Protein backbone atom coordinates (compact mmCIF):
# COMPACT_ATOMS: atom_id res chain seq x y z
CA MET A 1 61.73 66.24 93.44
CA GLU A 2 62.26 67.68 96.93
CA LYS A 3 65.35 65.50 97.44
CA ILE A 4 66.90 66.78 94.25
CA VAL A 5 66.29 70.39 95.30
CA GLU A 6 67.84 69.63 98.77
CA GLN A 7 70.84 68.01 97.12
CA GLY A 8 71.30 70.90 94.73
CA LEU A 9 71.08 73.45 97.56
CA LEU A 10 73.53 71.54 99.75
CA TYR A 11 75.89 71.20 96.84
CA ASP A 12 75.64 74.91 95.93
CA PHE A 13 76.71 75.85 99.49
CA TYR A 14 79.17 73.10 100.34
CA GLY A 15 80.16 71.42 97.07
CA PRO A 16 83.53 73.23 96.89
CA LEU A 17 84.49 71.41 100.08
CA LEU A 18 84.33 68.04 98.33
CA THR A 19 87.31 66.67 96.44
CA GLU A 20 87.45 67.34 92.69
CA HIS A 21 86.67 63.64 91.99
CA GLN A 22 83.64 63.76 94.32
CA GLN A 23 82.47 66.96 92.70
CA GLU A 24 82.69 65.51 89.15
CA ILE A 25 80.73 62.39 89.93
CA TYR A 26 78.19 64.13 92.17
CA GLU A 27 77.50 66.79 89.50
CA ALA A 28 77.11 64.11 86.82
CA CYS A 29 74.56 62.18 88.90
CA ILE A 30 72.66 65.11 90.38
CA TYR A 31 72.88 67.94 87.83
CA GLU A 32 73.24 65.96 84.63
CA ASP A 33 70.88 63.25 85.98
CA LEU A 34 73.14 60.41 84.76
CA SER A 35 72.13 56.94 85.90
CA LEU A 36 74.58 55.06 88.10
CA ALA A 37 75.48 52.88 85.13
CA GLU A 38 76.11 55.90 82.85
CA ALA A 39 78.30 57.60 85.49
CA ALA A 40 80.16 54.37 86.13
CA GLU A 41 80.93 54.07 82.43
CA ARG A 42 81.99 57.70 82.15
CA PHE A 43 84.33 57.62 85.17
CA GLU A 44 85.40 54.08 84.64
CA ILE A 45 84.41 52.80 88.07
CA SER A 46 81.75 50.34 89.19
CA ARG A 47 78.12 51.21 89.49
CA GLN A 48 78.37 50.38 93.21
CA GLY A 49 81.33 52.77 93.47
CA VAL A 50 79.23 55.60 92.02
CA HIS A 51 76.33 54.77 94.33
CA ASP A 52 78.58 54.68 97.41
CA LEU A 53 80.31 57.96 96.46
CA VAL A 54 76.97 59.78 95.88
CA LYS A 55 75.60 58.48 99.24
CA ARG A 56 78.85 59.49 100.98
CA CYS A 57 78.73 62.95 99.46
CA ASP A 58 75.10 63.40 100.56
CA LYS A 59 76.13 62.45 104.09
CA ILE A 60 79.13 64.84 104.03
CA LEU A 61 77.09 67.75 102.68
CA LYS A 62 74.30 67.21 105.25
CA GLY A 63 76.97 67.09 107.96
CA TYR A 64 78.38 70.42 106.88
CA GLU A 65 74.83 71.95 107.11
CA GLU A 66 74.30 70.49 110.53
CA LYS A 67 77.54 71.97 111.76
CA LEU A 68 77.54 75.28 109.89
CA GLY A 69 73.85 76.00 109.26
CA LEU A 70 74.51 78.27 106.30
CA ILE A 71 71.39 77.21 104.34
CA ASN A 72 69.21 77.66 107.37
CA ARG A 73 70.71 81.04 107.97
CA PHE A 74 70.29 81.98 104.29
CA ASN A 75 66.62 80.95 104.42
CA GLU A 76 65.97 82.91 107.63
CA THR A 77 67.60 85.96 106.15
CA ASN A 78 65.55 85.77 102.97
CA THR A 79 62.34 85.31 104.94
CA GLY A 80 63.16 88.36 107.10
CA LEU A 81 63.98 90.51 104.10
CA GLU A 82 60.78 89.50 102.40
CA GLU A 83 58.83 90.46 105.50
CA ILE A 84 60.54 93.86 105.58
CA LYS A 85 59.76 94.33 101.87
CA CYS A 86 56.06 93.53 102.46
CA LEU A 87 55.84 95.98 105.39
CA ILE A 88 57.38 98.75 103.31
CA GLU A 89 55.18 98.07 100.23
CA LYS A 90 52.05 97.87 102.39
CA ASN A 91 52.75 101.31 103.87
CA LYS A 92 53.96 103.09 100.73
CA ALA A 93 52.13 106.34 100.12
CA ALA A 94 51.22 107.75 96.71
CA ASP A 95 54.15 110.19 96.86
CA GLY A 96 56.58 107.30 97.39
CA SER A 97 57.17 107.93 101.10
CA THR A 98 56.71 105.21 103.65
CA ARG A 99 55.25 105.51 107.13
CA LEU A 100 55.51 102.46 109.37
CA THR A 101 53.69 102.18 112.64
CA GLU A 102 55.78 101.90 115.76
CA LYS A 103 54.98 98.15 115.89
CA GLU A 104 56.08 97.72 112.25
CA SER A 105 59.22 99.75 112.81
CA ASN A 106 60.10 97.64 115.84
CA ARG A 107 59.53 94.52 113.77
CA VAL A 108 61.88 95.77 111.03
CA LEU A 109 64.56 96.51 113.61
CA GLU A 110 64.09 93.10 115.20
CA ILE A 111 64.57 91.40 111.86
CA LEU A 112 67.66 93.47 110.97
CA ASN A 113 69.19 92.78 114.40
CA LYS A 114 68.65 89.03 113.92
CA ILE A 115 70.22 89.20 110.41
CA GLY A 116 73.18 91.17 111.85
CA GLU A 117 73.94 88.56 114.52
């Protein structure tokens, strides 16, 4: 299951950088969960051709992430924002105001600075 999630995430970020042909076959195999034989029949290529294309696309997509790091950056940003949200919710008063300690305020600023880089 984890591999499918990783493939989907990589494709969501970098899929448009693949050729249209690669996108069609990759989507059929990953999102529609077609077997290699089913995809081969649909696209009128060999089962081995589908297998090779999917493996090549996986390698290409992972290479983009290694070079660009957009998914890693996205995850770090979401983690930081979730931490800020928790700090604010933890310190919310009954009247709706929020008072953060100096340490918490500094942590929020640290997270925002990292996101802004």
